[in-house]
């Protein structure tokens, strides 16, 4: 990737309760594909803060499919789980993920999506 994603983390965050659909392969569960519907709390060009009812292991590098909703696209990205902590007994987790790999065309869609929030 030509753009340094660490620099993207410094970009403006959008604090928006937008429901996005995240799909990934959970290797800790024997490679079983899991689909999650998460609520994003904070979106930036370099990553996401998600609310989920399932935890993700710290440091995991996971391919994700992010459905940005109607009028947008489904984009494939690779993320690294930077932090994950339980916020209540439901259980509910806040999960911070950093985009580590995203194709150029998907990056353009991602940036436009963020601008429109």
PDB file of N, CA and C in Angstrom:
ATOM      1  N   UNK A   1       0.829  -1.172   0.000  1.00  0.00           N
ATOM      2  CA  UNK A   1       0.000   0.000   0.000  1.00  0.00           C
ATOM      3  C   UNK A   1       0.871   1.232   0.000  1.00  0.00           C
ATOM      4  N   UNK A   2       0.531   2.224  -0.787  1.00  0.00           N
ATOM      5  CA  UNK A   2       1.378   3.392  -0.906  1.00  0.00           C
ATOM      6  C   UNK A   2       1.186   4.379   0.236  1.00  0.00           C
ATOM      7  N   UNK A   3       0.030   4.414   0.843  1.00  0.00           N
ATOM      8  CA  UNK A   3      -0.247   5.373   1.902  1.00  0.00           C
ATOM      9  C   UNK A   3       0.000   4.732   3.259  1.00  0.00           C
ATOM     10  N   UNK A   4       0.699   5.440   4.140  1.00  0.00           N
ATOM     11  CA  UNK A   4       0.996   4.909   5.463  1.00  0.00           C
ATOM     12  C   UNK A   4      -0.253   4.996   6.332  1.00  0.00           C
ATOM     13  N   UNK A   5      -0.784   3.845   6.736  1.00  0.00           N
ATOM     14  CA  UNK A   5      -2.022   3.823   7.506  1.00  0.00           C
ATOM     15  C   UNK A   5      -1.853   4.393   8.899  1.00  0.00           C
ATOM     16  N   UNK A   6      -0.619   4.413   9.443  1.00  0.00           N
ATOM     17  CA  UNK A   6      -0.405   5.054  10.735  1.00  0.00           C
ATOM     18  C   UNK A   6      -0.706   6.543  10.645  1.00  0.00           C
ATOM     19  N   UNK A   7      -0.375   7.160   9.511  1.00  0.00           N
ATOM     20  CA  UNK A   7      -0.674   8.571   9.314  1.00  0.00           C
ATOM     21  C   UNK A   7      -2.171   8.798   9.214  1.00  0.00           C
ATOM     22  N   UNK A   8      -2.901   7.844   8.649  1.00  0.00           N
ATOM     23  CA  UNK A   8      -4.344   7.987   8.508  1.00  0.00           C
ATOM     24  C   UNK A   8      -5.028   8.021   9.876  1.00  0.00           C
ATOM     25  N   UNK A   9      -4.450   7.383  10.870  1.00  0.00           N
ATOM     26  CA  UNK A   9      -5.032   7.349  12.203  1.00  0.00           C
ATOM     27  C   UNK A   9      -5.142   8.756  12.780  1.00  0.00           C
ATOM     28  N   UNK A  10      -4.278   9.647  12.327  1.00  0.00           N
ATOM     29  CA  UNK A  10      -4.278  11.021  12.817  1.00  0.00           C
ATOM     30  C   UNK A  10      -5.353  11.869  12.160  1.00  0.00           C
ATOM     31  N   UNK A  11      -6.012  11.308  11.161  1.00  0.00           N
ATOM     32  CA  UNK A  11      -7.060  12.056  10.480  1.00  0.00           C
ATOM     33  C   UNK A  11      -8.285  12.190  11.372  1.00  0.00           C
ATOM     34  N   UNK A  12      -9.129  13.119  10.982  1.00  0.00           N
ATOM     35  CA  UNK A  12     -10.338  13.413  11.740  1.00  0.00           C
ATOM     36  C   UNK A  12     -11.189  12.172  11.928  1.00  0.00           C
ATOM     37  N   UNK A  13     -11.647  11.990  13.145  1.00  0.00           N
ATOM     38  CA  UNK A  13     -12.575  10.897  13.430  1.00  0.00           C
ATOM     39  C   UNK A  13     -13.988  11.425  13.331  1.00  0.00           C
ATOM     40  N   UNK A  14     -14.866  10.567  12.859  1.00  0.00           N
ATOM     41  CA  UNK A  14     -16.281  10.906  12.790  1.00  0.00           C
ATOM     42  C   UNK A  14     -16.978  10.084  13.867  1.00  0.00           C
ATOM     43  N   UNK A  15     -17.656  10.784  14.763  1.00  0.00           N
ATOM     44  CA  UNK A  15     -18.368  10.098  15.830  1.00  0.00           C
ATOM     45  C   UNK A  15     -19.819   9.956  15.386  1.00  0.00           C
ATOM     46  N   UNK A  16     -20.147   8.760  14.940  1.00  0.00           N
ATOM     47  CA  UNK A  16     -21.440   8.522  14.337  1.00  0.00           C
ATOM     48  C   UNK A  16     -21.911   7.130  14.704  1.00  0.00           C
ATOM     49  N   UNK A  17     -23.148   7.038  15.147  1.00  0.00           N
ATOM     50  CA  UNK A  17     -23.735   5.724  15.411  1.00  0.00           C
ATOM     51  C   UNK A  17     -24.305   5.205  14.103  1.00  0.00           C
ATOM     52  N   UNK A  18     -23.464   4.554  13.335  1.00  0.00           N
ATOM     53  CA  UNK A  18     -23.875   4.019  12.040  1.00  0.00           C
ATOM     54  C   UNK A  18     -23.742   2.511  12.107  1.00  0.00           C
ATOM     55  N   UNK A  19     -24.803   1.828  11.779  1.00  0.00           N
ATOM     56  CA  UNK A  19     -24.732   0.372  11.781  1.00  0.00           C
ATOM     57  C   UNK A  19     -24.033  -0.093  10.517  1.00  0.00           C
ATOM     58  N   UNK A  20     -22.979  -0.852  10.713  1.00  0.00           N
ATOM     59  CA  UNK A  20     -22.290  -1.460   9.583  1.00  0.00           C
ATOM     60  C   UNK A  20     -22.224  -2.950   9.843  1.00  0.00           C
ATOM     61  N   UNK A  21     -22.136  -3.702   8.799  1.00  0.00           N
ATOM     62  CA  UNK A  21     -22.056  -5.144   8.917  1.00  0.00           C
ATOM     63  C   UNK A  21     -20.609  -5.566   8.702  1.00  0.00           C
ATOM     64  N   UNK A  22     -20.092  -6.329   9.646  1.00  0.00           N
ATOM     65  CA  UNK A  22     -18.716  -6.797   9.579  1.00  0.00           C
ATOM     66  C   UNK A  22     -18.738  -8.315   9.509  1.00  0.00           C
ATOM     67  N   UNK A  23     -18.014  -8.870   8.563  1.00  0.00           N
ATOM     68  CA  UNK A  23     -17.944 -10.324   8.377  1.00  0.00           C
ATOM     69  C   UNK A  23     -16.472 -10.710   8.367  1.00  0.00           C
ATOM     70  N   UNK A  24     -16.134 -11.748   9.127  1.00  0.00           N
ATOM     71  CA  UNK A  24     -14.738 -12.168   9.164  1.00  0.00           C
ATOM     72  C   UNK A  24     -14.632 -13.643   9.519  1.00  0.00           C
ATOM     73  N   UNK A  25     -13.440 -14.195   9.312  1.00  0.00           N
ATOM     74  CA  UNK A  25     -13.151 -15.581   9.688  1.00  0.00           C
ATOM     75  C   UNK A  25     -12.519 -15.568  11.076  1.00  0.00           C
ATOM     76  N   UNK A  26     -13.123 -16.259  12.005  1.00  0.00           N
ATOM     77  CA  UNK A  26     -12.605 -16.323  13.364  1.00  0.00           C
ATOM     78  C   UNK A  26     -11.747 -17.577  13.494  1.00  0.00           C
ATOM     79  N   UNK A  27     -10.441 -17.404  13.409  1.00  0.00           N
ATOM     80  CA  UNK A  27      -9.521 -18.546  13.436  1.00  0.00           C
ATOM     81  C   UNK A  27      -9.532 -19.248  14.783  1.00  0.00           C
ATOM     82  N   UNK A  28      -9.811 -18.534  15.841  1.00  0.00           N
ATOM     83  CA  UNK A  28      -9.821 -19.174  17.157  1.00  0.00           C
ATOM     84  C   UNK A  28     -10.978 -20.154  17.297  1.00  0.00           C
ATOM     85  N   UNK A  29     -11.954 -20.064  16.422  1.00  0.00           N
ATOM     86  CA  UNK A  29     -13.091 -20.986  16.443  1.00  0.00           C
ATOM     87  C   UNK A  29     -12.955 -22.041  15.348  1.00  0.00           C
ATOM     88  N   UNK A  30     -11.736 -22.406  15.016  1.00  0.00           N
ATOM     89  CA  UNK A  30     -11.508 -23.452  14.029  1.00  0.00           C
ATOM     90  C   UNK A  30     -11.761 -23.012  12.598  1.00  0.00           C
ATOM     91  N   UNK A  31     -11.612 -21.715  12.332  1.00  0.00           N
ATOM     92  CA  UNK A  31     -11.791 -21.219  10.975  1.00  0.00           C
ATOM     93  C   UNK A  31     -13.240 -21.055  10.573  1.00  0.00           C
ATOM     94  N   UNK A  32     -14.139 -21.099  11.540  1.00  0.00           N
ATOM     95  CA  UNK A  32     -15.555 -20.952  11.246  1.00  0.00           C
ATOM     96  C   UNK A  32     -15.860 -19.490  10.896  1.00  0.00           C
ATOM     97  N   UNK A  33     -16.582 -19.286   9.798  1.00  0.00           N
ATOM     98  CA  UNK A  33     -16.951 -17.933   9.408  1.00  0.00           C
ATOM     99  C   UNK A  33     -18.039 -17.419  10.331  1.00  0.00           C
ATOM    100  N   UNK A  34     -17.855 -16.203  10.801  1.00  0.00           N
ATOM    101  CA  UNK A  34     -18.837 -15.591  11.684  1.00  0.00           C
ATOM    102  C   UNK A  34     -19.285 -14.267  11.092  1.00  0.00           C
ATOM    103  N   UNK A  35     -20.570 -14.013  11.152  1.00  0.00           N
ATOM    104  CA  UNK A  35     -21.115 -12.735  10.699  1.00  0.00           C
ATOM    105  C   UNK A  35     -21.541 -11.940  11.919  1.00  0.00           C
ATOM    106  N   UNK A  36     -21.146 -10.683  11.940  1.00  0.00           N
ATOM    107  CA  UNK A  36     -21.505  -9.814  13.054  1.00  0.00           C
ATOM    108  C   UNK A  36     -22.117  -8.529  12.536  1.00  0.00           C
ATOM    109  N   UNK A  37     -23.085  -8.045  13.243  1.00  0.00           N
ATOM    110  CA  UNK A  37     -23.614  -6.727  12.979  1.00  0.00           C
ATOM    111  C   UNK A  37     -23.110  -5.881  14.128  1.00  0.00           C
ATOM    112  N   UNK A  38     -22.364  -4.858  13.780  1.00  0.00           N
ATOM    113  CA  UNK A  38     -21.747  -4.008  14.785  1.00  0.00           C
ATOM    114  C   UNK A  38     -22.237  -2.579  14.607  1.00  0.00           C
ATOM    115  N   UNK A  39     -22.184  -1.821  15.675  1.00  0.00           N
ATOM    116  CA  UNK A  39     -22.483  -0.405  15.624  1.00  0.00           C
ATOM    117  C   UNK A  39     -21.157   0.320  15.731  1.00  0.00           C
ATOM    118  N   UNK A  40     -20.873   1.169  14.771  1.00  0.00           N
ATOM    119  CA  UNK A  40     -19.630   1.924  14.837  1.00  0.00           C
ATOM    120  C   UNK A  40     -19.848   3.154  15.703  1.00  0.00           C
ATOM    121  N   UNK A  41     -18.872   3.469  16.519  1.00  0.00           N
ATOM    122  CA  UNK A  41     -18.946   4.634  17.390  1.00  0.00           C
ATOM    123  C   UNK A  41     -17.997   5.717  16.928  1.00  0.00           C
ATOM    124  N   UNK A  42     -16.998   5.328  16.176  1.00  0.00           N
ATOM    125  CA  UNK A  42     -15.927   6.239  15.822  1.00  0.00           C
ATOM    126  C   UNK A  42     -15.291   5.674  14.565  1.00  0.00           C
ATOM    127  N   UNK A  43     -15.282   6.464  13.517  1.00  0.00           N
ATOM    128  CA  UNK A  43     -14.733   6.016  12.241  1.00  0.00           C
ATOM    129  C   UNK A  43     -13.699   7.034  11.792  1.00  0.00           C
ATOM    130  N   UNK A  44     -12.554   6.539  11.344  1.00  0.00           N
ATOM    131  CA  UNK A  44     -11.550   7.416  10.743  1.00  0.00           C
ATOM    132  C   UNK A  44     -10.997   6.711   9.514  1.00  0.00           C
ATOM    133  N   UNK A  45     -10.181   7.408   8.772  1.00  0.00           N
ATOM    134  CA  UNK A  45      -9.594   6.802   7.574  1.00  0.00           C
ATOM    135  C   UNK A  45      -8.732   5.600   7.936  1.00  0.00           C
ATOM    136  N   UNK A  46      -8.203   5.569   9.143  1.00  0.00           N
ATOM    137  CA  UNK A  46      -7.295   4.499   9.535  1.00  0.00           C
ATOM    138  C   UNK A  46      -7.892   3.376  10.351  1.00  0.00           C
ATOM    139  N   UNK A  47      -9.162   3.509  10.773  1.00  0.00           N
ATOM    140  CA  UNK A  47      -9.723   2.435  11.577  1.00  0.00           C
ATOM    141  C   UNK A  47     -11.124   2.711  12.074  1.00  0.00           C
ATOM    142  N   UNK A  48     -11.571   1.823  12.965  1.00  0.00           N
ATOM    143  CA  UNK A  48     -12.928   1.866  13.494  1.00  0.00           C
ATOM    144  C   UNK A  48     -12.944   1.521  14.969  1.00  0.00           C
ATOM    145  N   UNK A  49     -13.905   2.088  15.674  1.00  0.00           N
ATOM    146  CA  UNK A  49     -14.246   1.626  17.017  1.00  0.00           C
ATOM    147  C   UNK A  49     -15.608   0.973  16.869  1.00  0.00           C
ATOM    148  N   UNK A  50     -15.677  -0.294  17.191  1.00  0.00           N
ATOM    149  CA  UNK A  50     -16.906  -1.064  17.022  1.00  0.00           C
ATOM    150  C   UNK A  50     -17.498  -1.455  18.366  1.00  0.00           C
ATOM    151  N   UNK A  51     -18.794  -1.656  18.383  1.00  0.00           N
ATOM    152  CA  UNK A  51     -19.485  -2.231  19.527  1.00  0.00           C
ATOM    153  C   UNK A  51     -19.974  -3.596  19.063  1.00  0.00           C
ATOM    154  N   UNK A  52     -19.598  -4.644  19.796  1.00  0.00           N
ATOM    155  CA  UNK A  52     -19.927  -6.008  19.398  1.00  0.00           C
ATOM    156  C   UNK A  52     -20.304  -6.831  20.622  1.00  0.00           C
ATOM    157  N   UNK A  53     -21.019  -7.911  20.375  1.00  0.00           N
ATOM    158  CA  UNK A  53     -21.349  -8.825  21.467  1.00  0.00           C
ATOM    159  C   UNK A  53     -20.383 -10.006  21.530  1.00  0.00           C
ATOM    160  N   UNK A  54     -19.338  -9.947  20.708  1.00  0.00           N
ATOM    161  CA  UNK A  54     -18.295 -10.973  20.733  1.00  0.00           C
ATOM    162  C   UNK A  54     -16.939 -10.293  20.734  1.00  0.00           C
ATOM    163  N   UNK A  55     -16.026 -10.805  21.545  1.00  0.00           N
ATOM    164  CA  UNK A  55     -14.694 -10.195  21.592  1.00  0.00           C
ATOM    165  C   UNK A  55     -13.823 -10.662  20.426  1.00  0.00           C
ATOM    166  N   UNK A  56     -12.791  -9.903  20.141  1.00  0.00           N
ATOM    167  CA  UNK A  56     -11.760 -10.294  19.191  1.00  0.00           C
ATOM    168  C   UNK A  56     -10.428 -10.254  19.917  1.00  0.00           C
ATOM    169  N   UNK A  57      -9.564 -11.194  19.607  1.00  0.00           N
ATOM    170  CA  UNK A  57      -8.273 -11.306  20.286  1.00  0.00           C
ATOM    171  C   UNK A  57      -7.349 -10.150  19.910  1.00  0.00           C
ATOM    172  N   UNK A  58      -6.714  -9.570  20.912  1.00  0.00           N
ATOM    173  CA  UNK A  58      -5.753  -8.489  20.691  1.00  0.00           C
ATOM    174  C   UNK A  58      -4.653  -8.941  19.749  1.00  0.00           C
ATOM    175  N   UNK A  59      -4.275  -8.076  18.841  1.00  0.00           N
ATOM    176  CA  UNK A  59      -3.200  -8.375  17.909  1.00  0.00           C
ATOM    177  C   UNK A  59      -3.599  -9.219  16.724  1.00  0.00           C
ATOM    178  N   UNK A  60      -4.827  -9.712  16.711  1.00  0.00           N
ATOM    179  CA  UNK A  60      -5.289 -10.520  15.578  1.00  0.00           C
ATOM    180  C   UNK A  60      -5.281  -9.685  14.302  1.00  0.00           C
ATOM    181  N   UNK A  61      -4.815 -10.283  13.236  1.00  0.00           N
ATOM    182  CA  UNK A  61      -4.887  -9.663  11.918  1.00  0.00           C
ATOM    183  C   UNK A  61      -5.948 -10.441  11.158  1.00  0.00           C
ATOM    184  N   UNK A  62      -7.024  -9.744  10.813  1.00  0.00           N
ATOM    185  CA  UNK A  62      -8.221 -10.417  10.324  1.00  0.00           C
ATOM    186  C   UNK A  62      -8.698  -9.778   9.022  1.00  0.00           C
ATOM    187  N   UNK A  63      -8.968 -10.600   7.990  1.00  0.00           N
ATOM    188  CA  UNK A  63      -9.632 -10.035   6.816  1.00  0.00           C
ATOM    189  C   UNK A  63     -11.093  -9.778   7.163  1.00  0.00           C
ATOM    190  N   UNK A  64     -11.583  -8.595   6.815  1.00  0.00           N
ATOM    191  CA  UNK A  64     -12.974  -8.240   7.096  1.00  0.00           C
ATOM    192  C   UNK A  64     -13.642  -7.748   5.831  1.00  0.00           C
ATOM    193  N   UNK A  65     -14.920  -8.005   5.781  1.00  0.00           N
ATOM    194  CA  UNK A  65     -15.778  -7.473   4.726  1.00  0.00           C
ATOM    195  C   UNK A  65     -16.688  -6.474   5.423  1.00  0.00           C
ATOM    196  N   UNK A  66     -16.634  -5.213   4.985  1.00  0.00           N
ATOM    197  CA  UNK A  66     -17.429  -4.171   5.626  1.00  0.00           C
ATOM    198  C   UNK A  66     -18.492  -3.695   4.641  1.00  0.00           C
ATOM    199  N   UNK A  67     -19.742  -3.871   5.038  1.00  0.00           N
ATOM    200  CA  UNK A  67     -20.874  -3.420   4.233  1.00  0.00           C
ATOM    201  C   UNK A  67     -21.237  -2.022   4.708  1.00  0.00           C
ATOM    202  N   UNK A  68     -21.001  -1.034   3.868  1.00  0.00           N
ATOM    203  CA  UNK A  68     -21.231   0.352   4.241  1.00  0.00           C
ATOM    204  C   UNK A  68     -22.689   0.781   4.093  1.00  0.00           C
ATOM    205  N   UNK A  69     -23.521  -0.123   3.613  1.00  0.00           N
ATOM    206  CA  UNK A  69     -24.950   0.166   3.542  1.00  0.00           C
ATOM    207  C   UNK A  69     -25.415   0.586   2.156  1.00  0.00           C
ATOM    208  N   UNK A  70     -26.699   0.900   2.088  1.00  0.00           N
ATOM    209  CA  UNK A  70     -27.320   1.313   0.816  1.00  0.00           C
ATOM    210  C   UNK A  70     -26.575   2.489   0.213  1.00  0.00           C
ATOM    211  N   UNK A  71     -26.515   2.502  -1.090  1.00  0.00           N
ATOM    212  CA  UNK A  71     -25.881   3.573  -1.853  1.00  0.00           C
ATOM    213  C   UNK A  71     -24.356   3.556  -1.746  1.00  0.00           C
ATOM    214  N   UNK A  72     -23.810   2.568  -1.069  1.00  0.00           N
ATOM    215  CA  UNK A  72     -22.362   2.484  -0.927  1.00  0.00           C
ATOM    216  C   UNK A  72     -21.904   1.138  -1.454  1.00  0.00           C
ATOM    217  N   UNK A  73     -20.910   0.581  -0.840  1.00  0.00           N
ATOM    218  CA  UNK A  73     -20.321  -0.651  -1.346  1.00  0.00           C
ATOM    219  C   UNK A  73     -19.982  -1.574  -0.191  1.00  0.00           C
ATOM    220  N   UNK A  74     -19.632  -2.775  -0.557  1.00  0.00           N
ATOM    221  CA  UNK A  74     -19.038  -3.710   0.390  1.00  0.00           C
ATOM    222  C   UNK A  74     -17.549  -3.686   0.082  1.00  0.00           C
ATOM    223  N   UNK A  75     -16.741  -3.395   1.087  1.00  0.00           N
ATOM    224  CA  UNK A  75     -15.299  -3.322   0.853  1.00  0.00           C
ATOM    225  C   UNK A  75     -14.585  -4.390   1.670  1.00  0.00           C
ATOM    226  N   UNK A  76     -13.523  -4.906   1.098  1.00  0.00           N
ATOM    227  CA  UNK A  76     -12.676  -5.883   1.785  1.00  0.00           C
ATOM    228  C   UNK A  76     -11.458  -5.163   2.324  1.00  0.00           C
ATOM    229  N   UNK A  77     -11.180  -5.396   3.592  1.00  0.00           N
ATOM    230  CA  UNK A  77     -10.025  -4.792   4.241  1.00  0.00           C
ATOM    231  C   UNK A  77      -9.368  -5.847   5.122  1.00  0.00           C
ATOM    232  N   UNK A  78      -8.163  -5.568   5.536  1.00  0.00           N
ATOM    233  CA  UNK A  78      -7.520  -6.365   6.576  1.00  0.00           C
ATOM    234  C   UNK A  78      -7.306  -5.428   7.749  1.00  0.00           C
ATOM    235  N   UNK A  79      -7.647  -5.902   8.936  1.00  0.00           N
ATOM    236  CA  UNK A  79      -7.519  -5.069  10.129  1.00  0.00           C
ATOM    237  C   UNK A  79      -6.672  -5.772  11.178  1.00  0.00           C
ATOM    238  N   UNK A  80      -6.130  -4.976  12.076  1.00  0.00           N
ATOM    239  CA  UNK A  80      -5.449  -5.503  13.259  1.00  0.00           C
ATOM    240  C   UNK A  80      -6.246  -5.040  14.470  1.00  0.00           C
ATOM    241  N   UNK A  81      -6.547  -5.964  15.369  1.00  0.00           N
ATOM    242  CA  UNK A  81      -7.275  -5.627  16.588  1.00  0.00           C
ATOM    243  C   UNK A  81      -6.293  -4.969  17.544  1.00  0.00           C
ATOM    244  N   UNK A  82      -6.535  -3.700  17.850  1.00  0.00           N
ATOM    245  CA  UNK A  82      -5.638  -2.930  18.704  1.00  0.00           C
ATOM    246  C   UNK A  82      -6.052  -2.983  20.172  1.00  0.00           C
ATOM    247  N   UNK A  83      -7.340  -3.081  20.414  1.00  0.00           N
ATOM    248  CA  UNK A  83      -7.837  -3.191  21.780  1.00  0.00           C
ATOM    249  C   UNK A  83      -9.254  -3.756  21.774  1.00  0.00           C
ATOM    250  N   UNK A  84      -9.610  -4.357  22.893  1.00  0.00           N
ATOM    251  CA  UNK A  84     -10.939  -4.958  23.041  1.00  0.00           C
ATOM    252  C   UNK A  84     -11.228  -5.036  24.529  1.00  0.00           C
ATOM    253  N   UNK A  85     -12.323  -4.411  24.966  1.00  0.00           N
ATOM    254  CA  UNK A  85     -12.669  -4.544  26.371  1.00  0.00           C
ATOM    255  C   UNK A  85     -14.178  -4.614  26.558  1.00  0.00           C
ATOM    256  N   UNK A  86     -14.547  -5.350  27.588  1.00  0.00           N
ATOM    257  CA  UNK A  86     -15.953  -5.577  27.898  1.00  0.00           C
ATOM    258  C   UNK A  86     -16.501  -4.349  28.611  1.00  0.00           C
ATOM    259  N   UNK A  87     -17.683  -3.881  28.167  1.00  0.00           N
ATOM    260  CA  UNK A  87     -18.259  -2.689  28.782  1.00  0.00           C
ATOM    261  C   UNK A  87     -19.494  -2.974  29.628  1.00  0.00           C
ATOM    262  N   UNK A  88     -20.067  -4.182  29.486  1.00  0.00           N
ATOM    263  CA  UNK A  88     -21.187  -4.566  30.342  1.00  0.00           C
ATOM    264  C   UNK A  88     -21.312  -6.079  30.383  1.00  0.00           C
ATOM    265  N   UNK A  89     -22.298  -6.553  31.131  1.00  0.00           N
ATOM    266  CA  UNK A  89     -22.467  -7.991  31.340  1.00  0.00           C
ATOM    267  C   UNK A  89     -23.274  -8.688  30.250  1.00  0.00           C
ATOM    268  N   UNK A  90     -23.683  -7.995  29.201  1.00  0.00           N
ATOM    269  CA  UNK A  90     -24.545  -8.587  28.168  1.00  0.00           C
ATOM    270  C   UNK A  90     -23.967  -9.831  27.509  1.00  0.00           C
ATOM    271  N   UNK A  91     -22.763 -10.008  27.127  1.00  0.00           N
ATOM    272  CA  UNK A  91     -21.643  -9.067  27.179  1.00  0.00           C
ATOM    273  C   UNK A  91     -21.604  -8.175  25.941  1.00  0.00           C
ATOM    274  N   UNK A  92     -21.091  -6.975  26.134  1.00  0.00           N
ATOM    275  CA  UNK A  92     -20.872  -6.039  25.042  1.00  0.00           C
ATOM    276  C   UNK A  92     -19.420  -5.587  25.109  1.00  0.00           C
ATOM    277  N   UNK A  93     -18.796  -5.449  23.938  1.00  0.00           N
ATOM    278  CA  UNK A  93     -17.384  -5.084  23.862  1.00  0.00           C
ATOM    279  C   UNK A  93     -17.187  -3.866  22.976  1.00  0.00           C
ATOM    280  N   UNK A  94     -16.257  -3.010  23.353  1.00  0.00           N
ATOM    281  CA  UNK A  94     -15.709  -2.001  22.464  1.00  0.00           C
ATOM    282  C   UNK A  94     -14.469  -2.619  21.847  1.00  0.00           C
ATOM    283  N   UNK A  95     -14.347  -2.510  20.526  1.00  0.00           N
ATOM    284  CA  UNK A  95     -13.205  -3.095  19.815  1.00  0.00           C
ATOM    285  C   UNK A  95     -12.623  -2.034  18.894  1.00  0.00           C
ATOM    286  N   UNK A  96     -11.334  -1.812  19.021  1.00  0.00           N
ATOM    287  CA  UNK A  96     -10.647  -0.875  18.146  1.00  0.00           C
ATOM    288  C   UNK A  96      -9.850  -1.637  17.113  1.00  0.00           C
ATOM    289  N   UNK A  97     -10.097  -1.358  15.847  1.00  0.00           N
ATOM    290  CA  UNK A  97      -9.364  -2.022  14.773  1.00  0.00           C
ATOM    291  C   UNK A  97      -8.685  -0.986  13.890  1.00  0.00           C
ATOM    292  N   UNK A  98      -7.492  -1.324  13.476  1.00  0.00           N
ATOM    293  CA  UNK A  98      -6.710  -0.474  12.577  1.00  0.00           C
ATOM    294  C   UNK A  98      -6.693  -1.131  11.210  1.00  0.00           C
ATOM    295  N   UNK A  99      -7.009  -0.359  10.169  1.00  0.00           N
ATOM    296  CA  UNK A  99      -6.921  -0.882   8.813  1.00  0.00           C
ATOM    297  C   UNK A  99      -5.450  -1.056   8.466  1.00  0.00           C
ATOM    298  N   UNK A 100      -5.074  -2.270   8.114  1.00  0.00           N
ATOM    299  CA  UNK A 100      -3.678  -2.535   7.774  1.00  0.00           C
ATOM    300  C   UNK A 100      -3.488  -2.769   6.292  1.00  0.00           C
ATOM    301  N   UNK A 101      -4.567  -3.125   5.594  1.00  0.00           N
ATOM    302  CA  UNK A 101      -4.471  -3.327   4.148  1.00  0.00           C
ATOM    303  C   UNK A 101      -5.840  -3.069   3.531  1.00  0.00           C
ATOM    304  N   UNK A 102      -5.833  -2.231   2.498  1.00  0.00           N
ATOM    305  CA  UNK A 102      -7.062  -1.920   1.785  1.00  0.00           C
ATOM    306  C   UNK A 102      -6.671  -1.554   0.356  1.00  0.00           C
ATOM    307  N   UNK A 103      -7.358  -2.130  -0.612  1.00  0.00           N
ATOM    308  CA  UNK A 103      -7.054  -1.835  -2.018  1.00  0.00           C
ATOM    309  C   UNK A 103      -7.338  -0.373  -2.311  1.00  0.00           C
ATOM    310  N   UNK A 104      -6.643   0.166  -3.291  1.00  0.00           N
ATOM    311  CA  UNK A 104      -6.757   1.578  -3.636  1.00  0.00           C
ATOM    312  C   UNK A 104      -8.206   2.001  -3.917  1.00  0.00           C
ATOM    313  N   UNK A 105      -8.925   1.201  -4.704  1.00  0.00           N
ATOM    314  CA  UNK A 105     -10.316   1.550  -5.039  1.00  0.00           C
ATOM    315  C   UNK A 105     -11.195   1.531  -3.788  1.00  0.00           C
ATOM    316  N   UNK A 106     -10.963   0.557  -2.902  1.00  0.00           N
ATOM    317  CA  UNK A 106     -11.723   0.498  -1.655  1.00  0.00           C
ATOM    318  C   UNK A 106     -11.364   1.655  -0.734  1.00  0.00           C
ATOM    319  N   UNK A 107     -10.103   2.066  -0.729  1.00  0.00           N
ATOM    320  CA  UNK A 107      -9.665   3.185   0.106  1.00  0.00           C
ATOM    321  C   UNK A 107     -10.387   4.462  -0.328  1.00  0.00           C
ATOM    322  N   UNK A 108     -10.557   4.642  -1.641  1.00  0.00           N
ATOM    323  CA  UNK A 108     -11.261   5.822  -2.148  1.00  0.00           C
ATOM    324  C   UNK A 108     -12.723   5.815  -1.705  1.00  0.00           C
ATOM    325  N   UNK A 109     -13.368   4.663  -1.786  1.00  0.00           N
ATOM    326  CA  UNK A 109     -14.756   4.536  -1.332  1.00  0.00           C
ATOM    327  C   UNK A 109     -14.831   4.820   0.157  1.00  0.00           C
ATOM    328  N   UNK A 110     -13.907   4.265   0.927  1.00  0.00           N
ATOM    329  CA  UNK A 110     -13.864   4.450   2.389  1.00  0.00           C
ATOM    330  C   UNK A 110     -13.754   5.930   2.740  1.00  0.00           C
ATOM    331  N   UNK A 111     -12.829   6.631   2.080  1.00  0.00           N
ATOM    332  CA  UNK A 111     -12.652   8.063   2.374  1.00  0.00           C
ATOM    333  C   UNK A 111     -13.898   8.868   2.016  1.00  0.00           C
ATOM    334  N   UNK A 112     -14.524   8.559   0.877  1.00  0.00           N
ATOM    335  CA  UNK A 112     -15.743   9.273   0.486  1.00  0.00           C
ATOM    336  C   UNK A 112     -16.863   8.992   1.482  1.00  0.00           C
ATOM    337  N   UNK A 113     -16.955   7.749   1.925  1.00  0.00           N
ATOM    338  CA  UNK A 113     -17.958   7.364   2.921  1.00  0.00           C
ATOM    339  C   UNK A 113     -17.779   8.190   4.201  1.00  0.00           C
ATOM    340  N   UNK A 114     -16.563   8.316   4.656  1.00  0.00           N
ATOM    341  CA  UNK A 114     -16.264   9.072   5.876  1.00  0.00           C
ATOM    342  C   UNK A 114     -16.607  10.548   5.693  1.00  0.00           C
ATOM    343  N   UNK A 115     -16.263  11.092   4.545  1.00  0.00           N
ATOM    344  CA  UNK A 115     -16.564  12.505   4.277  1.00  0.00           C
ATOM    345  C   UNK A 115     -18.053  12.796   4.346  1.00  0.00           C
ATOM    346  N   UNK A 116     -18.886  11.829   3.933  1.00  0.00           N
ATOM    347  CA  UNK A 116     -20.334  12.030   3.890  1.00  0.00           C
ATOM    348  C   UNK A 116     -21.008  11.872   5.246  1.00  0.00           C
ATOM    349  N   UNK A 117     -20.300  11.351   6.226  1.00  0.00           N
ATOM    350  CA  UNK A 117     -20.914  11.167   7.558  1.00  0.00           C
ATOM    351  C   UNK A 117     -21.226  12.494   8.214  1.00  0.00           C
TER     352      UNK A 117
END
